[in-house]
Amino acid sequence: SRSLPAGEPRSRPAGPSSGREGGRRKRTTFSKAQLELLVRAFEKEPYPGIALREQLSGLTDIPESRIQ
């Protein structure tokens, strides 16, 4: 490992929060009914395709991007 010359700033590694103010988004909270529906769906299909995710989104009013 080499040391940086004096006065040269260290660069930060690119990560999920780099380039965004505020960092991560807040955790999605689910109602009991939403959670029950999602648990049943994911038990039947652990890796749902886009069509099923869109259907679940419509049934739960959760954005499809949050159903993964």
Protein backbone atom coordinates (compact mmCIF):
# COMPACT_ATOMS: atom_id res chain seq x y z
CA SER A 1 0.00 0.00 0.00
CA ARG A 2 1.30 3.41 -0.88
CA SER A 3 0.77 6.56 1.10
CA LEU A 4 -0.77 9.64 -0.47
CA PRO A 5 1.33 12.75 -0.94
CA ALA A 6 0.65 15.45 1.65
CA GLY A 7 -2.34 17.59 0.74
CA GLU A 8 -3.89 15.07 -1.67
CA PRO A 9 -7.45 14.28 -0.55
CA ARG A 10 -8.49 10.68 -0.11
CA SER A 11 -11.27 9.64 -2.45
CA ARG A 12 -14.32 7.93 -1.00
CA PRO A 13 -15.37 4.61 -2.51
CA ALA A 14 -18.57 4.77 -4.53
CA GLY A 15 -21.47 3.38 -2.55
CA PRO A 16 -25.25 3.46 -2.40
CA SER A 17 -25.30 6.91 -0.84
CA SER A 18 -22.63 8.55 -2.98
CA GLY A 19 -23.94 11.46 -4.98
CA ARG A 20 -27.23 11.68 -3.06
CA GLU A 21 -28.12 13.98 -0.23
CA GLY A 22 -29.76 12.29 2.73
CA GLY A 23 -28.45 8.77 2.10
CA ARG A 24 -30.78 5.79 2.09
CA ARG A 25 -34.53 5.84 1.64
CA LYS A 26 -36.74 4.97 4.57
CA ARG A 27 -37.74 1.35 5.13
CA THR A 28 -41.11 0.46 3.64
CA THR A 29 -43.72 -0.38 6.27
CA PHE A 30 -46.55 -2.77 5.45
CA SER A 31 -50.01 -3.10 6.94
CA LYS A 32 -50.99 -6.48 8.33
CA ALA A 33 -53.17 -7.18 5.28
CA GLN A 34 -50.40 -6.21 2.84
CA LEU A 35 -47.88 -8.35 4.69
CA GLU A 36 -50.15 -11.40 4.74
CA LEU A 37 -50.82 -11.10 1.00
CA LEU A 38 -47.12 -10.64 0.19
CA VAL A 39 -46.04 -13.54 2.40
CA ARG A 40 -48.55 -15.88 0.72
CA ALA A 41 -47.46 -14.72 -2.73
CA PHE A 42 -43.74 -15.12 -2.00
CA GLU A 43 -44.28 -18.56 -0.46
CA LYS A 44 -45.82 -19.68 -3.77
CA GLU A 45 -43.36 -17.78 -5.97
CA PRO A 46 -40.10 -16.72 -4.26
CA TYR A 47 -38.86 -14.89 -7.39
CA PRO A 48 -41.93 -13.22 -8.91
CA GLY A 49 -41.69 -11.86 -12.43
CA ILE A 50 -42.71 -8.38 -13.45
CA ALA A 51 -46.33 -9.39 -14.19
CA LEU A 52 -46.86 -10.82 -10.70
CA ARG A 53 -45.08 -7.88 -9.06
CA GLU A 54 -47.34 -5.47 -10.94
CA GLN A 55 -50.40 -7.47 -9.89
CA LEU A 56 -49.26 -7.43 -6.25
CA SER A 57 -48.61 -3.71 -6.56
CA GLY A 58 -52.17 -3.14 -7.71
CA LEU A 59 -53.61 -5.26 -4.91
CA THR A 60 -51.52 -3.70 -2.14
CA ASP A 61 -51.04 -0.09 -3.34
CA ILE A 62 -47.29 -0.62 -2.89
CA PRO A 63 -45.08 0.58 -5.77
CA GLU A 64 -43.88 -2.32 -7.93
CA SER A 65 -40.29 -1.20 -7.35
CA ARG A 66 -40.69 -1.99 -3.63
CA ILE A 67 -41.94 -5.54 -4.32
CA GLN A 68 -38.83 -7.60 -4.99
